[in-house]
C-alpha atoms as a PDB file:
ATOM      1  CA  UNK A   1      88.039 124.917   2.155  1.00  0.00           C
ATOM      2  CA  UNK A   2      90.663 122.219   1.920  1.00  0.00           C
ATOM      3  CA  UNK A   3      91.836 121.521  -1.608  1.00  0.00           C
ATOM      4  CA  UNK A   4      92.751 117.845  -1.245  1.00  0.00           C
ATOM      5  CA  UNK A   5      89.820 116.179   0.445  1.00  0.00           C
ATOM      6  CA  UNK A   6      89.448 112.435   0.642  1.00  0.00           C
ATOM      7  CA  UNK A   7      86.286 110.453   0.958  1.00  0.00           C
ATOM      8  CA  UNK A   8      85.202 108.398   3.975  1.00  0.00           C
ATOM      9  CA  UNK A   9      87.573 105.569   4.759  1.00  0.00           C
ATOM     10  CA  UNK A  10      90.465 107.465   3.164  1.00  0.00           C
ATOM     11  CA  UNK A  11      89.227 106.947  -0.408  1.00  0.00           C
ATOM     12  CA  UNK A  12      90.887 109.558  -2.675  1.00  0.00           C
ATOM     13  CA  UNK A  13      88.356 111.853  -4.281  1.00  0.00           C
ATOM     14  CA  UNK A  14      89.401 110.873  -7.809  1.00  0.00           C
ATOM     15  CA  UNK A  15      88.901 107.179  -7.055  1.00  0.00           C
ATOM     16  CA  UNK A  16      85.561 107.942  -5.450  1.00  0.00           C
ATOM     17  CA  UNK A  17      84.421 109.755  -8.581  1.00  0.00           C
ATOM     18  CA  UNK A  18      85.380 106.754 -10.702  1.00  0.00           C
ATOM     19  CA  UNK A  19      83.172 104.616  -8.468  1.00  0.00           C
ATOM     20  CA  UNK A  20      80.232 106.925  -9.110  1.00  0.00           C
ATOM     21  CA  UNK A  21      80.371 108.525  -5.666  1.00  0.00           C
ATOM     22  CA  UNK A  22      79.869 112.215  -4.998  1.00  0.00           C
ATOM     23  CA  UNK A  23      82.283 114.285  -2.945  1.00  0.00           C
ATOM     24  CA  UNK A  24      80.361 116.016  -0.178  1.00  0.00           C
ATOM     25  CA  UNK A  25      80.831 117.988   2.974  1.00  0.00           C
ATOM     26  CA  UNK A  26      78.396 117.220   5.741  1.00  0.00           C
ATOM     27  CA  UNK A  27      76.530 119.919   7.610  1.00  0.00           C
ATOM     28  CA  UNK A  28      78.863 119.059  10.477  1.00  0.00           C
ATOM     29  CA  UNK A  29      81.862 120.041   8.359  1.00  0.00           C
ATOM     30  CA  UNK A  30      83.308 116.603   7.525  1.00  0.00           C
ATOM     31  CA  UNK A  31      84.353 115.577   4.025  1.00  0.00           C
ATOM     32  CA  UNK A  32      82.920 112.371   2.664  1.00  0.00           C
ATOM     33  CA  UNK A  33      81.643 110.530  -0.382  1.00  0.00           C
ATOM     34  CA  UNK A  34      78.062 109.452  -1.023  1.00  0.00           C
ATOM     35  CA  UNK A  35      76.120 107.583  -3.663  1.00  0.00           C
ATOM     36  CA  UNK A  36      73.481 110.342  -3.691  1.00  0.00           C
ATOM     37  CA  UNK A  37      72.931 113.894  -2.551  1.00  0.00           C
ATOM     38  CA  UNK A  38      69.490 115.318  -1.824  1.00  0.00           C
ATOM     39  CA  UNK A  39      69.527 116.892  -5.293  1.00  0.00           C
ATOM     40  CA  UNK A  40      70.368 113.545  -6.905  1.00  0.00           C
ATOM     41  CA  UNK A  41      67.506 111.847  -5.098  1.00  0.00           C
ATOM     42  CA  UNK A  42      65.016 114.554  -6.030  1.00  0.00           C
ATOM     43  CA  UNK A  43      66.152 114.308  -9.634  1.00  0.00           C
ATOM     44  CA  UNK A  44      65.152 110.616  -9.569  1.00  0.00           C
ATOM     45  CA  UNK A  45      61.495 111.388  -8.874  1.00  0.00           C
ATOM     46  CA  UNK A  46      59.288 109.834 -11.505  1.00  0.00           C
ATOM     47  CA  UNK A  47      62.228 108.110 -13.201  1.00  0.00           C
ATOM     48  CA  UNK A  48      62.831 105.017 -11.096  1.00  0.00           C
ATOM     49  CA  UNK A  49      61.973 103.553  -7.710  1.00  0.00           C
ATOM     50  CA  UNK A  50      64.757 103.728  -5.132  1.00  0.00           C
ATOM     51  CA  UNK A  51      65.391 101.073  -2.476  1.00  0.00           C
ATOM     52  CA  UNK A  52      65.646 101.894   1.225  1.00  0.00           C
ATOM     53  CA  UNK A  53      66.139 100.005   4.472  1.00  0.00           C
ATOM     54  CA  UNK A  54      66.687 100.660   8.164  1.00  0.00           C
ATOM     55  CA  UNK A  55      69.592  98.634   9.610  1.00  0.00           C
ATOM     56  CA  UNK A  56      69.856  98.036  13.349  1.00  0.00           C
ATOM     57  CA  UNK A  57      73.565  97.192  13.502  1.00  0.00           C
ATOM     58  CA  UNK A  58      76.828  98.114  11.764  1.00  0.00           C
ATOM     59  CA  UNK A  59      76.921  94.632  10.239  1.00  0.00           C
ATOM     60  CA  UNK A  60      73.505  95.100   8.635  1.00  0.00           C
ATOM     61  CA  UNK A  61      74.472  98.561   7.378  1.00  0.00           C
ATOM     62  CA  UNK A  62      77.696  97.307   5.812  1.00  0.00           C
ATOM     63  CA  UNK A  63      75.841  94.438   4.132  1.00  0.00           C
ATOM     64  CA  UNK A  64      73.149  96.790   2.806  1.00  0.00           C
ATOM     65  CA  UNK A  65      75.747  99.113   1.315  1.00  0.00           C
ATOM     66  CA  UNK A  66      77.600  96.209  -0.279  1.00  0.00           C
ATOM     67  CA  UNK A  67      74.311  94.932  -1.725  1.00  0.00           C
ATOM     68  CA  UNK A  68      73.569  98.275  -3.398  1.00  0.00           C
ATOM     69  CA  UNK A  69      70.772  99.664  -1.203  1.00  0.00           C
ATOM     70  CA  UNK A  70      70.158 103.262  -2.350  1.00  0.00           C
ATOM     71  CA  UNK A  71      69.344 104.963   0.941  1.00  0.00           C
ATOM     72  CA  UNK A  72      69.111 104.078   4.627  1.00  0.00           C
ATOM     73  CA  UNK A  73      67.311 105.321   7.681  1.00  0.00           C
ATOM     74  CA  UNK A  74      68.994 104.979  11.067  1.00  0.00           C
ATOM     75  CA  UNK A  75      67.374 105.357  14.470  1.00  0.00           C
ATOM     76  CA  UNK A  76      69.099 108.153  16.355  1.00  0.00           C
ATOM     77  CA  UNK A  77      69.021 108.282  20.145  1.00  0.00           C
ATOM     78  CA  UNK A  78      70.574 111.539  21.386  1.00  0.00           C
ATOM     79  CA  UNK A  79      71.315 109.801  24.706  1.00  0.00           C
ATOM     80  CA  UNK A  80      73.267 107.054  22.926  1.00  0.00           C
ATOM     81  CA  UNK A  81      74.589 108.669  19.745  1.00  0.00           C
ATOM     82  CA  UNK A  82      77.433 106.159  19.418  1.00  0.00           C
ATOM     83  CA  UNK A  83      75.059 103.548  17.940  1.00  0.00           C
ATOM     84  CA  UNK A  84      74.102 105.748  14.982  1.00  0.00           C
ATOM     85  CA  UNK A  85      77.724 106.869  14.614  1.00  0.00           C
ATOM     86  CA  UNK A  86      78.872 103.241  14.324  1.00  0.00           C
ATOM     87  CA  UNK A  87      76.255 102.525  11.668  1.00  0.00           C
ATOM     88  CA  UNK A  88      77.285 105.664   9.757  1.00  0.00           C
ATOM     89  CA  UNK A  89      80.899 104.478   9.831  1.00  0.00           C
ATOM     90  CA  UNK A  90      79.930 100.987   8.635  1.00  0.00           C
ATOM     91  CA  UNK A  91      78.212 102.344   5.502  1.00  0.00           C
ATOM     92  CA  UNK A  92      80.190 105.515   4.739  1.00  0.00           C
ATOM     93  CA  UNK A  93      79.105 105.928   1.133  1.00  0.00           C
ATOM     94  CA  UNK A  94      75.323 105.499   1.384  1.00  0.00           C
ATOM     95  CA  UNK A  95      72.880 108.391   1.780  1.00  0.00           C
ATOM     96  CA  UNK A  96      71.581 108.122   5.311  1.00  0.00           C
ATOM     97  CA  UNK A  97      68.720 109.817   7.174  1.00  0.00           C
ATOM     98  CA  UNK A  98      68.816 109.721  10.959  1.00  0.00           C
ATOM     99  CA  UNK A  99      65.372 109.153  12.458  1.00  0.00           C
ATOM    100  CA  UNK A 100      65.080 111.521  15.423  1.00  0.00           C
ATOM    101  CA  UNK A 101      62.765 110.856  18.398  1.00  0.00           C
ATOM    102  CA  UNK A 102      59.433 112.653  18.358  1.00  0.00           C
ATOM    103  CA  UNK A 103      59.511 113.610  22.041  1.00  0.00           C
ATOM    104  CA  UNK A 104      63.146 114.764  22.110  1.00  0.00           C
ATOM    105  CA  UNK A 105      62.228 118.238  20.868  1.00  0.00           C
ATOM    106  CA  UNK A 106      59.572 120.417  22.467  1.00  0.00           C
ATOM    107  CA  UNK A 107      60.306 123.654  20.611  1.00  0.00           C
ATOM    108  CA  UNK A 108      61.669 124.875  17.308  1.00  0.00           C
ATOM    109  CA  UNK A 109      65.003 125.606  18.961  1.00  0.00           C
ATOM    110  CA  UNK A 110      65.245 122.098  20.375  1.00  0.00           C
ATOM    111  CA  UNK A 111      64.275 120.652  17.000  1.00  0.00           C
ATOM    112  CA  UNK A 112      67.101 122.523  15.282  1.00  0.00           C
ATOM    113  CA  UNK A 113      69.589 121.514  17.972  1.00  0.00           C
ATOM    114  CA  UNK A 114      68.578 117.844  17.724  1.00  0.00           C
ATOM    115  CA  UNK A 115      68.787 117.988  13.937  1.00  0.00           C
ATOM    116  CA  UNK A 116      72.245 119.565  14.126  1.00  0.00           C
ATOM    117  CA  UNK A 117      73.375 116.880  16.577  1.00  0.00           C
ATOM    118  CA  UNK A 118      72.357 114.192  14.086  1.00  0.00           C
ATOM    119  CA  UNK A 119      74.011 115.999  11.192  1.00  0.00           C
ATOM    120  CA  UNK A 120      77.251 116.410  13.142  1.00  0.00           C
ATOM    121  CA  UNK A 121      77.456 112.615  13.359  1.00  0.00           C
ATOM    122  CA  UNK A 122      77.346 112.349   9.581  1.00  0.00           C
ATOM    123  CA  UNK A 123      73.642 112.164   8.757  1.00  0.00           C
ATOM    124  CA  UNK A 124      72.745 113.401   5.284  1.00  0.00           C
ATOM    125  CA  UNK A 125      69.193 114.223   6.380  1.00  0.00           C
ATOM    126  CA  UNK A 126      66.853 113.632   9.282  1.00  0.00           C
ATOM    127  CA  UNK A 127      63.556 111.783   9.383  1.00  0.00           C
ATOM    128  CA  UNK A 128      60.939 112.894  11.914  1.00  0.00           C
ATOM    129  CA  UNK A 129      57.320 112.801  13.004  1.00  0.00           C
ATOM    130  CA  UNK A 130      57.358 116.484  13.894  1.00  0.00           C
ATOM    131  CA  UNK A 131      54.743 119.095  13.160  1.00  0.00           C
ATOM    132  CA  UNK A 132      55.218 121.346  10.118  1.00  0.00           C
ATOM    133  CA  UNK A 133      56.306 124.155  12.450  1.00  0.00           C
ATOM    134  CA  UNK A 134      59.296 122.162  13.732  1.00  0.00           C
ATOM    135  CA  UNK A 135      60.109 120.957  10.225  1.00  0.00           C
ATOM    136  CA  UNK A 136      60.159 124.532   8.975  1.00  0.00           C
ATOM    137  CA  UNK A 137      62.620 125.511  11.696  1.00  0.00           C
ATOM    138  CA  UNK A 138      64.987 122.646  10.852  1.00  0.00           C
ATOM    139  CA  UNK A 139      64.663 123.176   7.094  1.00  0.00           C
ATOM    140  CA  UNK A 140      65.363 126.906   7.433  1.00  0.00           C
ATOM    141  CA  UNK A 141      68.479 125.945   9.404  1.00  0.00           C
ATOM    142  CA  UNK A 142      69.701 124.024   6.349  1.00  0.00           C
ATOM    143  CA  UNK A 143      68.786 120.493   7.427  1.00  0.00           C
ATOM    144  CA  UNK A 144      67.123 118.222   4.839  1.00  0.00           C
ATOM    145  CA  UNK A 145      64.001 116.849   6.539  1.00  0.00           C
ATOM    146  CA  UNK A 146      61.831 113.843   5.741  1.00  0.00           C
ATOM    147  CA  UNK A 147      58.379 113.841   7.328  1.00  0.00           C
ATOM    148  CA  UNK A 148      55.939 111.026   8.094  1.00  0.00           C
ATOM    149  CA  UNK A 149      52.333 110.581   7.004  1.00  0.00           C
ATOM    150  CA  UNK A 150      49.611 107.952   6.885  1.00  0.00           C
ATOM    151  CA  UNK A 151      49.921 105.577   9.819  1.00  0.00           C
ATOM    152  CA  UNK A 152      52.295 107.402  12.169  1.00  0.00           C
ATOM    153  CA  UNK A 153      52.634 104.832  14.970  1.00  0.00           C
ATOM    154  CA  UNK A 154      53.384 107.265  17.791  1.00  0.00           C
ATOM    155  CA  UNK A 155      50.385 109.367  16.794  1.00  0.00           C
ATOM    156  CA  UNK A 156      48.116 106.437  15.976  1.00  0.00           C
ATOM    157  CA  UNK A 157      45.585 107.314  18.675  1.00  0.00           C
ATOM    158  CA  UNK A 158      44.372 110.053  16.304  1.00  0.00           C
ATOM    159  CA  UNK A 159      43.720 107.573  13.479  1.00  0.00           C
ATOM    160  CA  UNK A 160      42.198 104.705  15.448  1.00  0.00           C
ATOM    161  CA  UNK A 161      45.244 102.708  16.457  1.00  0.00           C
ATOM    162  CA  UNK A 162      47.765 100.645  14.535  1.00  0.00           C
ATOM    163  CA  UNK A 163      45.725 100.077  11.407  1.00  0.00           C
ATOM    164  CA  UNK A 164      45.637 101.054   7.755  1.00  0.00           C
ATOM    165  CA  UNK A 165      44.739 104.702   7.157  1.00  0.00           C
ATOM    166  CA  UNK A 166      43.158 106.283   4.083  1.00  0.00           C
ATOM    167  CA  UNK A 167      40.400 103.801   3.253  1.00  0.00           C
ATOM    168  CA  UNK A 168      37.698 106.464   3.449  1.00  0.00           C
ATOM    169  CA  UNK A 169      37.464 109.633   1.370  1.00  0.00           C
ATOM    170  CA  UNK A 170      37.845 111.775   4.478  1.00  0.00           C
ATOM    171  CA  UNK A 171      41.046 110.003   5.503  1.00  0.00           C
ATOM    172  CA  UNK A 172      42.436 109.966   1.966  1.00  0.00           C
ATOM    173  CA  UNK A 173      41.992 113.725   1.619  1.00  0.00           C
ATOM    174  CA  UNK A 174      43.455 114.267   5.100  1.00  0.00           C
ATOM    175  CA  UNK A 175      46.609 112.281   4.236  1.00  0.00           C
ATOM    176  CA  UNK A 176      47.073 114.291   1.051  1.00  0.00           C
ATOM    177  CA  UNK A 177      46.615 117.563   2.925  1.00  0.00           C
ATOM    178  CA  UNK A 178      49.115 116.455   5.590  1.00  0.00           C
ATOM    179  CA  UNK A 179      51.696 115.694   2.908  1.00  0.00           C
ATOM    180  CA  UNK A 180      51.106 119.070   1.244  1.00  0.00           C
ATOM    181  CA  UNK A 181      51.618 120.736   4.639  1.00  0.00           C
ATOM    182  CA  UNK A 182      54.946 118.949   5.000  1.00  0.00           C
ATOM    183  CA  UNK A 183      55.850 120.081   1.496  1.00  0.00           C
ATOM    184  CA  UNK A 184      54.992 123.689   2.353  1.00  0.00           C
ATOM    185  CA  UNK A 185      57.034 123.402   5.548  1.00  0.00           C
ATOM    186  CA  UNK A 186      60.191 122.707   3.550  1.00  0.00           C
ATOM    187  CA  UNK A 187      60.525 118.928   3.756  1.00  0.00           C
ATOM    188  CA  UNK A 188      62.139 117.149   0.810  1.00  0.00           C
ATOM    189  CA  UNK A 189      60.637 113.678   1.368  1.00  0.00           C
ATOM    190  CA  UNK A 190      57.927 111.889   3.325  1.00  0.00           C
ATOM    191  CA  UNK A 191      57.575 108.359   4.631  1.00  0.00           C
ATOM    192  CA  UNK A 192      54.061 107.136   3.891  1.00  0.00           C
ATOM    193  CA  UNK A 193      52.974 104.174   5.964  1.00  0.00           C
ATOM    194  CA  UNK A 194      50.158 101.654   5.479  1.00  0.00           C
ATOM    195  CA  UNK A 195      47.758 103.446   3.158  1.00  0.00           C
ATOM    196  CA  UNK A 196      46.056 102.026   0.045  1.00  0.00           C
ATOM    197  CA  UNK A 197      48.550 101.451  -2.760  1.00  0.00           C
ATOM    198  CA  UNK A 198      46.472 103.216  -5.398  1.00  0.00           C
ATOM    199  CA  UNK A 199      46.117 106.247  -3.126  1.00  0.00           C
ATOM    200  CA  UNK A 200      49.888 106.597  -2.675  1.00  0.00           C
ATOM    201  CA  UNK A 201      50.371 106.330  -6.441  1.00  0.00           C
ATOM    202  CA  UNK A 202      48.033 109.281  -6.994  1.00  0.00           C
ATOM    203  CA  UNK A 203      49.474 111.347  -4.132  1.00  0.00           C
ATOM    204  CA  UNK A 204      53.014 110.777  -5.427  1.00  0.00           C
ATOM    205  CA  UNK A 205      52.011 112.447  -8.690  1.00  0.00           C
ATOM    206  CA  UNK A 206      50.640 115.432  -6.786  1.00  0.00           C
ATOM    207  CA  UNK A 207      53.581 116.313  -4.541  1.00  0.00           C
ATOM    208  CA  UNK A 208      57.136 117.401  -5.136  1.00  0.00           C
ATOM    209  CA  UNK A 209      58.202 115.352  -2.113  1.00  0.00           C
ATOM    210  CA  UNK A 210      59.838 111.986  -2.614  1.00  0.00           C
ATOM    211  CA  UNK A 211      57.437 109.459  -1.144  1.00  0.00           C
ATOM    212  CA  UNK A 212      58.949 106.543   0.765  1.00  0.00           C
ATOM    213  CA  UNK A 213      56.466 103.683   0.834  1.00  0.00           C
ATOM    214  CA  UNK A 214      56.235 101.193   3.676  1.00  0.00           C
ATOM    215  CA  UNK A 215      53.129  99.075   3.495  1.00  0.00           C
ATOM    216  CA  UNK A 216      51.743 101.476   0.898  1.00  0.00           C
ATOM    217  CA  UNK A 217      52.442  99.626  -2.338  1.00  0.00           C
ATOM    218  CA  UNK A 218      54.734 100.305  -5.273  1.00  0.00           C
ATOM    219  CA  UNK A 219      53.424 103.726  -6.252  1.00  0.00           C
ATOM    220  CA  UNK A 220      55.974 105.714  -4.252  1.00  0.00           C
ATOM    221  CA  UNK A 221      59.384 107.044  -5.228  1.00  0.00           C
ATOM    222  CA  UNK A 222      61.187 104.870  -2.658  1.00  0.00           C
ATOM    223  CA  UNK A 223      60.403 101.347  -1.464  1.00  0.00           C
ATOM    224  CA  UNK A 224      61.242 101.012   2.220  1.00  0.00           C
ATOM    225  CA  UNK A 225      61.469  97.899   4.402  1.00  0.00           C
ATOM    226  CA  UNK A 226      63.152  97.332   7.752  1.00  0.00           C
ATOM    227  CA  UNK A 227      66.319  95.235   7.685  1.00  0.00           C
ATOM    228  CA  UNK A 228      64.907  92.970  10.395  1.00  0.00           C
ATOM    229  CA  UNK A 229      62.024  92.072   8.052  1.00  0.00           C
ATOM    230  CA  UNK A 230      64.220  91.581   4.984  1.00  0.00           C
ATOM    231  CA  UNK A 231      66.594  89.336   6.920  1.00  0.00           C
ATOM    232  CA  UNK A 232      63.976  87.513   8.980  1.00  0.00           C
ATOM    233  CA  UNK A 233      65.576  88.474  12.284  1.00  0.00           C
ATOM    234  CA  UNK A 234      62.421  87.784  14.285  1.00  0.00           C
ATOM    235  CA  UNK A 235      59.907  84.973  14.654  1.00  0.00           C
ATOM    236  CA  UNK A 236      56.499  85.086  12.978  1.00  0.00           C
ATOM    237  CA  UNK A 237      53.962  86.616  12.894  1.00  0.00           C
ATOM    238  CA  UNK A 238      55.241  89.221  10.455  1.00  0.00           C
ATOM    239  CA  UNK A 239      53.685  92.510   9.365  1.00  0.00           C
ATOM    240  CA  UNK A 240      51.482  91.969   6.328  1.00  0.00           C
ATOM    241  CA  UNK A 241      53.435  94.461   4.257  1.00  0.00           C
ATOM    242  CA  UNK A 242      56.794  92.778   4.900  1.00  0.00           C
ATOM    243  CA  UNK A 243      58.660  90.008   3.115  1.00  0.00           C
ATOM    244  CA  UNK A 244      61.375  87.798   4.597  1.00  0.00           C
ATOM    245  CA  UNK A 245      64.211  87.088   2.181  1.00  0.00           C
ATOM    246  CA  UNK A 246      66.217  85.181   4.777  1.00  0.00           C
ATOM    247  CA  UNK A 247      65.468  83.461   8.094  1.00  0.00           C
ATOM    248  CA  UNK A 248      68.285  84.568  10.354  1.00  0.00           C
ATOM    249  CA  UNK A 249      66.249  83.904  13.481  1.00  0.00           C
ATOM    250  CA  UNK A 250      66.422  80.170  12.648  1.00  0.00           C
ATOM    251  CA  UNK A 251      70.175  80.411  12.320  1.00  0.00           C
ATOM    252  CA  UNK A 252      70.355  82.081  15.727  1.00  0.00           C
ATOM    253  CA  UNK A 253      68.180  79.346  17.213  1.00  0.00           C
ATOM    254  CA  UNK A 254      70.462  76.705  15.718  1.00  0.00           C
ATOM    255  CA  UNK A 255      73.515  78.512  17.071  1.00  0.00           C
ATOM    256  CA  UNK A 256      71.934  78.710  20.535  1.00  0.00           C
ATOM    257  CA  UNK A 257      71.136  74.980  20.405  1.00  0.00           C
ATOM    258  CA  UNK A 258      74.774  74.322  19.503  1.00  0.00           C
ATOM    259  CA  UNK A 259      75.941  76.482  22.412  1.00  0.00           C
ATOM    260  CA  UNK A 260      73.745  74.539  24.840  1.00  0.00           C
ATOM    261  CA  UNK A 261      74.895  71.205  23.425  1.00  0.00           C
ATOM    262  CA  UNK A 262      78.538  72.269  23.689  1.00  0.00           C
ATOM    263  CA  UNK A 263      78.175  73.237  27.344  1.00  0.00           C
ATOM    264  CA  UNK A 264      76.341  69.989  28.100  1.00  0.00           C
ATOM    265  CA  UNK A 265      79.119  67.946  26.514  1.00  0.00           C
ATOM    266  CA  UNK A 266      81.697  69.868  28.544  1.00  0.00           C
ATOM    267  CA  UNK A 267      79.817  69.231  31.794  1.00  0.00           C
ATOM    268  CA  UNK A 268      79.494  65.536  30.932  1.00  0.00           C
ATOM    269  CA  UNK A 269      83.201  65.154  30.134  1.00  0.00           C
ATOM    270  CA  UNK A 270      84.314  66.885  33.326  1.00  0.00           C
ATOM    271  CA  UNK A 271      82.026  64.804  35.512  1.00  0.00           C
ATOM    272  CA  UNK A 272      83.057  61.546  33.831  1.00  0.00           C
ATOM    273  CA  UNK A 273      86.739  62.384  33.888  1.00  0.00           C
ATOM    274  CA  UNK A 274      87.035  62.442  30.104  1.00  0.00           C
ATOM    275  CA  UNK A 275      88.246  66.046  30.231  1.00  0.00           C
ATOM    276  CA  UNK A 276      90.955  67.000  30.571  1.00  0.00           C
ATOM    277  CA  UNK A 277      92.677  64.150  28.742  1.00  0.00           C
ATOM    278  CA  UNK A 278      96.402  63.508  28.297  1.00  0.00           C
ATOM    279  CA  UNK A 279      96.492  65.779  25.256  1.00  0.00           C
ATOM    280  CA  UNK A 280      95.182  68.743  27.290  1.00  0.00           C
ATOM    281  CA  UNK A 281      97.679  68.729  30.166  1.00  0.00           C
ATOM    282  CA  UNK A 282     101.338  69.485  30.829  1.00  0.00           C
ATOM    283  CA  UNK A 283     103.364  66.443  31.983  1.00  0.00           C
ATOM    284  CA  UNK A 284     105.773  66.991  34.864  1.00  0.00           C
ATOM    285  CA  UNK A 285     109.407  66.029  34.170  1.00  0.00           C
ATOM    286  CA  UNK A 286     110.520  62.766  35.766  1.00  0.00           C
ATOM    287  CA  UNK A 287     111.455  63.241  39.416  1.00  0.00           C
ATOM    288  CA  UNK A 288     109.904  66.722  39.736  1.00  0.00           C
ATOM    289  CA  UNK A 289     106.941  65.713  41.886  1.00  0.00           C
ATOM    290  CA  UNK A 290     109.029  63.571  44.263  1.00  0.00           C
ATOM    291  CA  UNK A 291     111.491  66.416  44.664  1.00  0.00           C
ATOM    292  CA  UNK A 292     108.607  68.794  45.331  1.00  0.00           C
ATOM    293  CA  UNK A 293     107.206  66.457  48.016  1.00  0.00           C
ATOM    294  CA  UNK A 294     110.580  66.045  49.653  1.00  0.00           C
ATOM    295  CA  UNK A 295     111.013  69.806  49.847  1.00  0.00           C
ATOM    296  CA  UNK A 296     107.473  70.697  50.909  1.00  0.00           C
END
């Protein structure tokens, strides 16, 4: 092991410690600094609610880190890993779970390989919708795994579509049992989506997993919301569980209107002869044009 490691971005380890960052080595073998390790996050259970988002661009990730977001999820496409790598680089000091595609692994071996691929790019954990069997394989390989319970969109045909889950006793018990299966499989956390708030609060007390709530109220260990919802990147209608703190889509619309207006003004000036004007052109020295005509 090297004796003089520096944190991400060349931050000396001593300076990183002063900033409250932890020196780490990723599963891929790279030194870095993070605000939390898995142990730190698990130690927070029951003490305070952490804040989590999923950025879609390096700019959003950098802004989230600067704002003090505790943890991030990042969508990881093994066919285009550079996107996740750029987001990792933009927020080098924030604990980050790469969300791996459900259908990218069809066996325990493939699950481990996909998890390792994500970890080699600097992920601190992976998030998945895998079965407990696949989670066990990845966890036994040393990868911190976050599961998914409640409304799992890609498996929503089993729960009646894209709707709230857990509003009957049968469903409530099933969600709890699913989370306990993930716990037994070796996961360290679980995203719980669109279930009754009071139900998540009770389940959180009954599992060692950190529960990341999205649309499931304030009774979890982590409060999760997509960056596109926080920033208002899209037009209404919005998911009921989301809140828009900014309206960036309006800014983009205004910018597009300005682009169109600018092009229209350019077209108008060219057709009227207003552009280019004297200030936009180079004036030929006296006698140059006549000399050119005489020669050519």
